[in-house]
Amino acid sequence: MIIWMPRRSANWGVSHISGCRPDYRRGSKNATFGDAGSWRGGNRSRSRSIHDRDRTHWCGWVLRRGSRAIYFAGDTGYCPVFREIGERFGGFDLAIIPIGAYRPRWIMQPIHVDPREAVQIHVDVRSRQSVACHWGTFRLTDEPPGEPPVALRMAMIERGLPAEQFRALRFGESVLI
């Protein structure tokens, strides 16, 4: 197994790591490697210690095999790159999109999407089916732990989208794509 990581990331003791170089054309934070995947930028400041602010990359992933495609948004705030991802890849069979750790908005908005913004990402990347991530495991921010999935359902209703297109799975639940 090969693990792809942005260059200059620590290898954390893993022996089969291959670095990929980001594509900074037009200010994007993207890279591609082979036929299987792509590293896609998002909106996130990043660091692994107090001395390395914005020296590494925070990203999402596009994984493809044949005609199937999965998008993992990573840990991100909302930004226009999601529309570009949808246009470039023509949509996804499945997207995994964060919905939690968003309050208070005045602090968290640049780095964590709220459920309404997560629905916008679902629409922007042209996902046929999305599942929520980044919620309910640890209390990281001010919203109650059970609020994100409820807010996600409300955001889907507000947009007039079928609830089954984007949902928070129950613990241990799987999804067939």
N, C-alpha and C. Protein backbone atom coordinates (compact mmCIF):
# COMPACT_ATOMS: atom_id res chain seq x y z
N MET A 1 0.84 -1.17 0.00
CA MET A 1 0.00 0.00 0.00
C MET A 1 0.89 1.24 0.00
N ILE A 2 0.52 2.21 -0.81
CA ILE A 2 1.23 3.49 -0.83
C ILE A 2 0.31 4.53 -0.21
N ILE A 3 0.85 5.34 0.66
CA ILE A 3 0.10 6.44 1.26
C ILE A 3 0.57 7.73 0.61
N TRP A 4 -0.35 8.49 0.05
CA TRP A 4 -0.02 9.75 -0.58
C TRP A 4 -0.19 10.86 0.43
N MET A 5 0.81 11.70 0.56
CA MET A 5 0.75 12.84 1.46
C MET A 5 1.36 14.05 0.76
N PRO A 6 0.93 15.24 1.13
CA PRO A 6 1.59 16.43 0.58
C PRO A 6 3.07 16.41 0.96
N ARG A 7 3.90 16.89 0.05
CA ARG A 7 5.32 16.98 0.37
C ARG A 7 5.51 17.86 1.59
N ARG A 8 6.58 17.65 2.29
CA ARG A 8 6.95 18.35 3.51
C ARG A 8 6.09 17.94 4.69
N SER A 9 5.21 16.96 4.54
CA SER A 9 4.48 16.45 5.69
C SER A 9 5.36 15.45 6.41
N ALA A 10 5.21 15.36 7.70
CA ALA A 10 5.97 14.37 8.46
C ALA A 10 5.54 12.98 8.04
N ASN A 11 6.47 12.02 8.03
CA ASN A 11 6.07 10.67 7.62
C ASN A 11 5.52 9.85 8.77
N TRP A 12 5.57 10.31 9.99
CA TRP A 12 4.95 9.68 11.14
C TRP A 12 5.30 8.20 11.25
N GLY A 13 6.50 7.81 10.79
CA GLY A 13 6.93 6.44 10.93
C GLY A 13 6.34 5.46 9.94
N VAL A 14 5.63 5.93 8.93
CA VAL A 14 5.04 5.06 7.91
C VAL A 14 6.07 4.88 6.81
N SER A 15 6.27 3.65 6.35
CA SER A 15 7.37 3.37 5.44
C SER A 15 7.05 3.56 3.96
N HIS A 16 5.81 3.51 3.52
CA HIS A 16 5.50 3.60 2.10
C HIS A 16 4.74 4.89 1.80
N ILE A 17 5.46 5.99 1.87
CA ILE A 17 4.83 7.29 1.63
C ILE A 17 5.40 7.86 0.34
N SER A 18 4.52 8.41 -0.47
CA SER A 18 4.94 9.10 -1.67
C SER A 18 4.41 10.52 -1.61
N GLY A 19 5.29 11.48 -1.74
CA GLY A 19 4.86 12.88 -1.68
C GLY A 19 4.31 13.32 -3.02
N CYS A 20 3.30 14.16 -2.98
CA CYS A 20 2.79 14.73 -4.22
C CYS A 20 2.93 16.23 -4.14
N ARG A 21 3.17 16.83 -5.27
CA ARG A 21 3.40 18.26 -5.33
C ARG A 21 2.11 18.96 -5.71
N PRO A 22 1.73 19.97 -4.95
CA PRO A 22 0.51 20.69 -5.29
C PRO A 22 0.66 21.48 -6.58
N ASP A 23 -0.46 21.67 -7.26
CA ASP A 23 -0.51 22.46 -8.48
C ASP A 23 -0.98 23.86 -8.09
N TYR A 24 -0.08 24.82 -8.15
CA TYR A 24 -0.42 26.17 -7.71
C TYR A 24 -0.84 27.09 -8.85
N ARG A 25 -1.11 26.53 -10.03
CA ARG A 25 -1.58 27.37 -11.12
C ARG A 25 -2.90 28.02 -10.73
N ARG A 26 -3.10 29.23 -11.11
CA ARG A 26 -4.30 30.00 -10.82
C ARG A 26 -4.62 30.01 -9.33
N GLY A 27 -3.60 29.83 -8.48
CA GLY A 27 -3.80 29.89 -7.05
C GLY A 27 -4.46 28.67 -6.46
N SER A 28 -4.64 27.58 -7.26
CA SER A 28 -5.31 26.40 -6.71
C SER A 28 -4.34 25.63 -5.83
N LYS A 29 -4.88 24.77 -5.01
CA LYS A 29 -4.09 23.91 -4.14
C LYS A 29 -4.42 22.47 -4.49
N ASN A 30 -4.08 22.06 -5.71
CA ASN A 30 -4.47 20.76 -6.21
C ASN A 30 -3.25 19.96 -6.66
N ALA A 31 -3.36 18.67 -6.66
CA ALA A 31 -2.33 17.79 -7.22
C ALA A 31 -3.02 16.55 -7.75
N THR A 32 -2.39 15.90 -8.70
CA THR A 32 -2.93 14.63 -9.19
C THR A 32 -1.80 13.62 -9.19
N PHE A 33 -2.14 12.36 -9.09
CA PHE A 33 -1.14 11.30 -9.12
C PHE A 33 -1.78 10.07 -9.73
N GLY A 34 -1.27 9.71 -10.88
CA GLY A 34 -1.77 8.52 -11.56
C GLY A 34 -3.23 8.64 -11.94
N ASP A 35 -3.86 7.48 -12.09
CA ASP A 35 -5.25 7.43 -12.53
C ASP A 35 -6.22 7.31 -11.37
N ALA A 36 -5.70 7.05 -10.18
CA ALA A 36 -6.59 6.69 -9.06
C ALA A 36 -7.10 7.86 -8.26
N GLY A 37 -6.33 8.93 -8.14
CA GLY A 37 -6.79 9.96 -7.22
C GLY A 37 -6.24 11.32 -7.50
N SER A 38 -6.83 12.27 -6.82
CA SER A 38 -6.41 13.66 -6.89
C SER A 38 -6.54 14.26 -5.51
N TRP A 39 -5.65 15.17 -5.24
CA TRP A 39 -5.68 15.90 -4.00
C TRP A 39 -6.29 17.25 -4.32
N ARG A 40 -7.34 17.65 -3.62
CA ARG A 40 -8.07 18.87 -3.92
C ARG A 40 -7.96 19.83 -2.76
N GLY A 41 -7.73 21.07 -3.05
CA GLY A 41 -7.64 22.09 -2.01
C GLY A 41 -8.99 22.39 -1.40
N GLY A 42 -8.96 23.01 -0.26
CA GLY A 42 -10.16 23.47 0.42
C GLY A 42 -9.86 24.82 1.04
N ASN A 43 -10.60 25.21 2.04
CA ASN A 43 -10.39 26.49 2.69
C ASN A 43 -10.06 26.21 4.15
N ARG A 44 -8.80 26.26 4.49
CA ARG A 44 -8.41 25.88 5.84
C ARG A 44 -7.02 26.39 6.14
N SER A 45 -6.83 27.04 7.29
CA SER A 45 -5.48 27.29 7.75
C SER A 45 -4.97 25.97 8.31
N ARG A 46 -3.67 25.80 8.41
CA ARG A 46 -3.18 24.51 8.84
C ARG A 46 -1.85 24.64 9.57
N SER A 47 -1.66 23.73 10.50
CA SER A 47 -0.39 23.62 11.23
C SER A 47 -0.41 22.34 12.03
N ARG A 48 0.76 21.86 12.35
CA ARG A 48 0.90 20.68 13.19
C ARG A 48 1.63 21.03 14.49
N SER A 49 2.16 22.24 14.55
CA SER A 49 2.79 22.73 15.77
C SER A 49 2.68 24.25 15.76
N ILE A 50 3.14 24.89 16.81
CA ILE A 50 3.03 26.35 16.87
C ILE A 50 4.01 27.05 15.94
N HIS A 51 4.94 26.31 15.35
CA HIS A 51 5.97 26.91 14.51
C HIS A 51 5.82 26.64 13.02
N ASP A 52 4.74 25.99 12.57
CA ASP A 52 4.65 25.64 11.15
C ASP A 52 3.35 26.12 10.51
N ARG A 53 2.85 27.27 10.91
CA ARG A 53 1.59 27.80 10.39
C ARG A 53 1.62 27.90 8.87
N ASP A 54 0.66 27.23 8.20
CA ASP A 54 0.47 27.27 6.76
C ASP A 54 1.69 26.81 5.96
N ARG A 55 2.49 25.90 6.52
CA ARG A 55 3.62 25.34 5.78
C ARG A 55 3.32 23.95 5.25
N THR A 56 2.21 23.39 5.65
CA THR A 56 1.78 22.10 5.11
C THR A 56 0.45 22.34 4.41
N HIS A 57 -0.15 21.29 3.90
CA HIS A 57 -1.39 21.43 3.14
C HIS A 57 -2.52 20.67 3.81
N TRP A 58 -3.68 21.27 3.79
CA TRP A 58 -4.90 20.63 4.28
C TRP A 58 -5.75 20.40 3.05
N CYS A 59 -6.28 19.23 2.87
CA CYS A 59 -6.91 18.98 1.59
C CYS A 59 -8.01 17.94 1.67
N GLY A 60 -8.76 17.85 0.59
CA GLY A 60 -9.72 16.79 0.38
C GLY A 60 -9.17 15.86 -0.69
N TRP A 61 -9.93 14.81 -1.02
CA TRP A 61 -9.46 13.82 -1.97
C TRP A 61 -10.55 13.45 -2.96
N VAL A 62 -10.13 13.19 -4.18
CA VAL A 62 -10.99 12.60 -5.20
C VAL A 62 -10.40 11.23 -5.50
N LEU A 63 -11.20 10.20 -5.34
CA LEU A 63 -10.77 8.84 -5.66
C LEU A 63 -11.64 8.32 -6.79
N ARG A 64 -11.00 7.80 -7.84
CA ARG A 64 -11.72 7.29 -9.00
C ARG A 64 -11.28 5.88 -9.31
N ARG A 65 -12.24 5.09 -9.75
CA ARG A 65 -11.95 3.76 -10.29
C ARG A 65 -12.98 3.50 -11.37
N GLY A 66 -12.53 3.41 -12.59
CA GLY A 66 -13.45 3.26 -13.71
C GLY A 66 -14.37 4.46 -13.78
N SER A 67 -15.66 4.20 -13.82
CA SER A 67 -16.63 5.29 -13.93
C SER A 67 -17.10 5.80 -12.56
N ARG A 68 -16.60 5.21 -11.48
CA ARG A 68 -17.03 5.58 -10.13
C ARG A 68 -16.09 6.63 -9.54
N ALA A 69 -16.67 7.55 -8.76
CA ALA A 69 -15.85 8.60 -8.15
C ALA A 69 -16.40 8.94 -6.76
N ILE A 70 -15.47 9.11 -5.83
CA ILE A 70 -15.79 9.51 -4.47
C ILE A 70 -15.01 10.77 -4.15
N TYR A 71 -15.66 11.69 -3.48
CA TYR A 71 -14.99 12.92 -3.05
C TYR A 71 -15.04 13.01 -1.53
N PHE A 72 -13.90 13.22 -0.90
CA PHE A 72 -13.80 13.47 0.52
C PHE A 72 -13.37 14.91 0.69
N ALA A 73 -14.24 15.74 1.26
CA ALA A 73 -13.98 17.18 1.34
C ALA A 73 -12.90 17.53 2.36
N GLY A 74 -12.63 16.67 3.31
CA GLY A 74 -11.66 17.00 4.35
C GLY A 74 -12.28 17.95 5.37
N ASP A 75 -11.45 18.62 6.10
CA ASP A 75 -11.86 19.54 7.16
C ASP A 75 -11.72 20.94 6.58
N THR A 76 -12.84 21.61 6.31
CA THR A 76 -12.76 22.82 5.49
C THR A 76 -13.84 23.83 5.82
N GLY A 77 -13.56 25.08 5.49
CA GLY A 77 -14.58 26.11 5.43
C GLY A 77 -15.10 26.18 4.00
N TYR A 78 -16.18 26.90 3.79
CA TYR A 78 -16.74 26.99 2.43
C TYR A 78 -15.92 27.96 1.59
N CYS A 79 -15.75 27.62 0.32
CA CYS A 79 -15.07 28.50 -0.63
C CYS A 79 -15.47 28.10 -2.05
N PRO A 80 -15.22 28.95 -3.04
CA PRO A 80 -15.65 28.68 -4.42
C PRO A 80 -15.00 27.47 -5.08
N VAL A 81 -13.94 26.92 -4.50
CA VAL A 81 -13.26 25.78 -5.12
C VAL A 81 -14.19 24.57 -5.27
N PHE A 82 -15.23 24.48 -4.44
CA PHE A 82 -16.11 23.32 -4.53
C PHE A 82 -16.89 23.31 -5.85
N ARG A 83 -17.30 24.46 -6.32
CA ARG A 83 -17.97 24.53 -7.63
C ARG A 83 -16.99 24.10 -8.72
N GLU A 84 -15.76 24.56 -8.62
CA GLU A 84 -14.72 24.18 -9.59
C GLU A 84 -14.49 22.66 -9.58
N ILE A 85 -14.48 22.06 -8.42
CA ILE A 85 -14.30 20.60 -8.31
C ILE A 85 -15.45 19.88 -9.01
N GLY A 86 -16.69 20.34 -8.77
CA GLY A 86 -17.84 19.73 -9.44
C GLY A 86 -17.77 19.86 -10.95
N GLU A 87 -17.35 21.04 -11.43
CA GLU A 87 -17.23 21.25 -12.87
C GLU A 87 -16.12 20.39 -13.46
N ARG A 88 -15.00 20.34 -12.80
CA ARG A 88 -13.85 19.62 -13.33
C ARG A 88 -14.07 18.10 -13.37
N PHE A 89 -14.72 17.55 -12.35
CA PHE A 89 -14.88 16.11 -12.27
C PHE A 89 -16.24 15.62 -12.72
N GLY A 90 -17.18 16.52 -12.96
CA GLY A 90 -18.48 16.13 -13.49
C GLY A 90 -19.39 15.43 -12.50
N GLY A 91 -19.12 15.57 -11.22
CA GLY A 91 -19.99 14.98 -10.21
C GLY A 91 -19.40 13.73 -9.60
N PHE A 92 -20.04 13.28 -8.52
CA PHE A 92 -19.52 12.15 -7.75
C PHE A 92 -20.65 11.20 -7.37
N ASP A 93 -20.30 9.93 -7.27
CA ASP A 93 -21.24 8.94 -6.78
C ASP A 93 -21.47 9.13 -5.28
N LEU A 94 -20.41 9.53 -4.58
CA LEU A 94 -20.49 9.74 -3.15
C LEU A 94 -19.57 10.89 -2.76
N ALA A 95 -20.05 11.76 -1.89
CA ALA A 95 -19.20 12.79 -1.27
C ALA A 95 -19.30 12.63 0.24
N ILE A 96 -18.18 12.82 0.90
CA ILE A 96 -18.12 12.79 2.36
C ILE A 96 -17.79 14.21 2.79
N ILE A 97 -18.74 14.83 3.48
CA ILE A 97 -18.68 16.28 3.72
C ILE A 97 -18.84 16.56 5.21
N PRO A 98 -17.99 17.44 5.79
CA PRO A 98 -18.11 17.75 7.21
C PRO A 98 -19.34 18.59 7.51
N ILE A 99 -19.92 18.38 8.71
CA ILE A 99 -21.10 19.17 9.10
C ILE A 99 -20.99 19.75 10.51
N GLY A 100 -19.92 19.46 11.25
CA GLY A 100 -19.86 19.88 12.65
C GLY A 100 -18.71 20.80 12.98
N ALA A 101 -18.66 21.18 14.26
CA ALA A 101 -17.62 22.07 14.81
C ALA A 101 -17.67 23.44 14.15
N TYR A 102 -18.86 24.07 14.16
CA TYR A 102 -19.05 25.32 13.43
C TYR A 102 -19.43 26.53 14.28
N ARG A 103 -19.60 26.37 15.59
CA ARG A 103 -19.98 27.51 16.43
C ARG A 103 -18.87 27.86 17.41
N PRO A 104 -18.66 29.11 17.67
CA PRO A 104 -19.34 30.29 17.14
C PRO A 104 -18.88 30.60 15.71
N ARG A 105 -19.80 31.03 14.87
CA ARG A 105 -19.51 31.28 13.46
C ARG A 105 -18.44 32.34 13.28
N TRP A 106 -18.40 33.34 14.13
CA TRP A 106 -17.43 34.42 13.93
C TRP A 106 -16.00 33.92 14.04
N ILE A 107 -15.79 32.79 14.69
CA ILE A 107 -14.46 32.19 14.76
C ILE A 107 -14.33 31.05 13.75
N MET A 108 -15.34 30.19 13.67
CA MET A 108 -15.21 28.94 12.94
C MET A 108 -15.53 29.03 11.45
N GLN A 109 -16.22 30.05 11.01
CA GLN A 109 -16.67 30.14 9.61
C GLN A 109 -15.54 29.96 8.59
N PRO A 110 -14.36 30.52 8.78
CA PRO A 110 -13.33 30.32 7.75
C PRO A 110 -12.77 28.90 7.67
N ILE A 111 -12.94 28.09 8.73
CA ILE A 111 -12.28 26.78 8.74
C ILE A 111 -13.21 25.60 8.84
N HIS A 112 -14.48 25.80 9.25
CA HIS A 112 -15.44 24.70 9.36
C HIS A 112 -16.78 25.11 8.78
N VAL A 113 -17.31 24.30 7.86
CA VAL A 113 -18.63 24.58 7.30
C VAL A 113 -19.70 24.25 8.33
N ASP A 114 -20.82 24.95 8.23
CA ASP A 114 -21.99 24.57 9.01
C ASP A 114 -22.87 23.71 8.09
N PRO A 115 -23.95 23.12 8.59
CA PRO A 115 -24.75 22.24 7.75
C PRO A 115 -25.31 22.90 6.48
N ARG A 116 -25.69 24.17 6.53
CA ARG A 116 -26.16 24.85 5.30
C ARG A 116 -25.05 24.93 4.25
N GLU A 117 -23.85 25.28 4.69
CA GLU A 117 -22.71 25.33 3.76
C GLU A 117 -22.35 23.94 3.26
N ALA A 118 -22.51 22.94 4.12
CA ALA A 118 -22.26 21.55 3.70
C ALA A 118 -23.21 21.15 2.58
N VAL A 119 -24.48 21.56 2.69
CA VAL A 119 -25.44 21.28 1.62
C VAL A 119 -25.01 22.00 0.34
N GLN A 120 -24.49 23.22 0.47
CA GLN A 120 -24.01 23.94 -0.71
C GLN A 120 -22.84 23.20 -1.35
N ILE A 121 -21.95 22.63 -0.55
CA ILE A 121 -20.85 21.82 -1.10
C ILE A 121 -21.42 20.61 -1.84
N HIS A 122 -22.40 19.94 -1.24
CA HIS A 122 -23.07 18.80 -1.88
C HIS A 122 -23.57 19.19 -3.27
N VAL A 123 -24.20 20.35 -3.37
CA VAL A 123 -24.72 20.84 -4.65
C VAL A 123 -23.57 21.22 -5.58
N ASP A 124 -22.58 21.97 -5.06
CA ASP A 124 -21.46 22.44 -5.88
C ASP A 124 -20.66 21.31 -6.51
N VAL A 125 -20.39 20.26 -5.73
CA VAL A 125 -19.56 19.17 -6.27
C VAL A 125 -20.37 18.16 -7.07
N ARG A 126 -21.68 18.40 -7.16
CA ARG A 126 -22.59 17.56 -7.95
C ARG A 126 -22.60 16.11 -7.46
N SER A 127 -22.75 15.96 -6.17
CA SER A 127 -22.77 14.63 -5.58
C SER A 127 -24.15 14.02 -5.70
N ARG A 128 -24.20 12.77 -6.13
CA ARG A 128 -25.49 12.07 -6.20
C ARG A 128 -25.93 11.62 -4.81
N GLN A 129 -24.96 11.34 -3.95
CA GLN A 129 -25.25 10.93 -2.58
C GLN A 129 -24.11 11.43 -1.70
N SER A 130 -24.44 12.01 -0.56
CA SER A 130 -23.42 12.49 0.37
C SER A 130 -23.70 11.98 1.76
N VAL A 131 -22.61 11.77 2.51
CA VAL A 131 -22.73 11.43 3.92
C VAL A 131 -21.93 12.45 4.73
N ALA A 132 -22.43 12.70 5.93
CA ALA A 132 -21.82 13.69 6.81
C ALA A 132 -20.68 13.08 7.61
N CYS A 133 -19.67 13.89 7.85
CA CYS A 133 -18.58 13.50 8.73
C CYS A 133 -18.25 14.70 9.63
N HIS A 134 -17.29 14.52 10.51
CA HIS A 134 -16.79 15.61 11.36
C HIS A 134 -17.86 16.15 12.29
N TRP A 135 -18.53 15.24 12.98
CA TRP A 135 -19.53 15.67 13.97
C TRP A 135 -19.73 14.54 14.99
N GLY A 136 -20.11 14.89 16.20
CA GLY A 136 -20.59 13.94 17.19
C GLY A 136 -19.58 13.08 17.91
N THR A 137 -18.32 13.10 17.54
CA THR A 137 -17.34 12.26 18.22
C THR A 137 -16.79 12.94 19.47
N PHE A 138 -16.35 14.18 19.29
CA PHE A 138 -15.83 14.98 20.39
C PHE A 138 -16.54 16.32 20.39
N ARG A 139 -16.72 16.90 21.54
CA ARG A 139 -17.30 18.24 21.61
C ARG A 139 -16.15 19.22 21.39
N LEU A 140 -16.05 19.72 20.18
CA LEU A 140 -14.96 20.63 19.80
C LEU A 140 -15.36 22.10 19.92
N THR A 141 -16.63 22.39 19.70
CA THR A 141 -17.08 23.77 19.65
C THR A 141 -18.39 23.92 20.40
N ASP A 142 -19.08 25.04 20.20
CA ASP A 142 -20.21 25.40 21.05
C ASP A 142 -21.55 24.75 20.71
N GLU A 143 -21.73 24.21 19.50
CA GLU A 143 -23.05 23.62 19.20
C GLU A 143 -23.23 22.32 19.98
N PRO A 144 -24.48 22.01 20.37
CA PRO A 144 -24.73 20.73 21.05
C PRO A 144 -24.35 19.57 20.14
N PRO A 145 -23.84 18.47 20.68
CA PRO A 145 -23.35 17.35 19.87
C PRO A 145 -24.37 16.79 18.87
N GLY A 146 -25.65 16.78 19.20
CA GLY A 146 -26.65 16.23 18.30
C GLY A 146 -27.23 17.22 17.31
N GLU A 147 -26.80 18.47 17.36
CA GLU A 147 -27.39 19.49 16.49
C GLU A 147 -27.03 19.35 15.01
N PRO A 148 -25.79 19.02 14.64
CA PRO A 148 -25.45 19.01 13.21
C PRO A 148 -26.35 18.16 12.32
N PRO A 149 -26.70 16.91 12.67
CA PRO A 149 -27.57 16.14 11.77
C PRO A 149 -28.98 16.72 11.65
N VAL A 150 -29.48 17.29 12.75
CA VAL A 150 -30.80 17.92 12.70
C VAL A 150 -30.75 19.15 11.79
N ALA A 151 -29.71 19.95 11.94
CA ALA A 151 -29.54 21.14 11.09
C ALA A 151 -29.32 20.74 9.63
N LEU A 152 -28.65 19.62 9.39
CA LEU A 152 -28.47 19.13 8.02
C LEU A 152 -29.81 18.79 7.39
N ARG A 153 -30.65 18.05 8.12
CA ARG A 153 -31.98 17.72 7.58
C ARG A 153 -32.78 18.98 7.26
N MET A 154 -32.73 19.97 8.16
CA MET A 154 -33.45 21.23 7.93
C MET A 154 -32.90 21.95 6.70
N ALA A 155 -31.58 21.96 6.53
CA ALA A 155 -30.97 22.62 5.37
C ALA A 155 -31.37 21.93 4.07
N MET A 156 -31.47 20.62 4.09
CA MET A 156 -31.92 19.88 2.89
C MET A 156 -33.36 20.23 2.56
N ILE A 157 -34.22 20.32 3.58
CA ILE A 157 -35.62 20.69 3.37
C ILE A 157 -35.71 22.11 2.81
N GLU A 158 -34.95 23.04 3.39
CA GLU A 158 -34.95 24.44 2.92
C GLU A 158 -34.55 24.53 1.45
N ARG A 159 -33.62 23.69 1.01
CA ARG A 159 -33.16 23.71 -0.38
C ARG A 159 -34.07 22.89 -1.30
N GLY A 160 -35.05 22.19 -0.74
CA GLY A 160 -35.94 21.37 -1.54
C GLY A 160 -35.28 20.13 -2.09
N LEU A 161 -34.28 19.61 -1.38
CA LEU A 161 -33.55 18.42 -1.81
C LEU A 161 -34.02 17.21 -1.02
N PRO A 162 -34.07 16.03 -1.65
CA PRO A 162 -34.47 14.82 -0.93
C PRO A 162 -33.50 14.51 0.20
N ALA A 163 -34.03 14.22 1.37
CA ALA A 163 -33.20 13.97 2.56
C ALA A 163 -32.22 12.82 2.34
N GLU A 164 -32.59 11.82 1.55
CA GLU A 164 -31.70 10.67 1.35
C GLU A 164 -30.47 11.00 0.51
N GLN A 165 -30.45 12.16 -0.15
CA GLN A 165 -29.27 12.55 -0.94
C GLN A 165 -28.08 12.91 -0.06
N PHE A 166 -28.34 13.40 1.15
CA PHE A 166 -27.25 13.83 2.04
C PHE A 166 -27.73 13.61 3.47
N ARG A 167 -27.07 12.70 4.15
CA ARG A 167 -27.52 12.41 5.50
C ARG A 167 -26.37 12.03 6.41
N ALA A 168 -26.63 12.13 7.68
CA ALA A 168 -25.69 11.69 8.71
C ALA A 168 -26.05 10.24 9.03
N LEU A 169 -25.09 9.37 8.86
CA LEU A 169 -25.34 7.96 9.15
C LEU A 169 -25.40 7.72 10.65
N ARG A 170 -26.16 6.72 11.06
CA ARG A 170 -26.15 6.28 12.45
C ARG A 170 -24.82 5.57 12.71
N PHE A 171 -24.38 5.55 13.94
CA PHE A 171 -23.12 4.89 14.28
C PHE A 171 -23.17 3.43 13.84
N GLY A 172 -22.17 3.02 13.07
CA GLY A 172 -22.09 1.66 12.56
C GLY A 172 -22.84 1.42 11.26
N GLU A 173 -23.62 2.39 10.81
CA GLU A 173 -24.37 2.22 9.58
C GLU A 173 -23.45 2.35 8.37
N SER A 174 -23.77 1.64 7.31
CA SER A 174 -23.01 1.75 6.06
C SER A 174 -23.95 2.23 4.96
N VAL A 175 -23.37 2.57 3.84
CA VAL A 175 -24.16 3.06 2.71
C VAL A 175 -23.69 2.34 1.45
N LEU A 176 -24.62 1.97 0.60
CA LEU A 176 -24.32 1.32 -0.66
C LEU A 176 -24.30 2.37 -1.76
N ILE A 177 -23.22 2.41 -2.52
CA ILE A 177 -23.17 3.39 -3.62
C ILE A 177 -23.15 2.67 -4.96
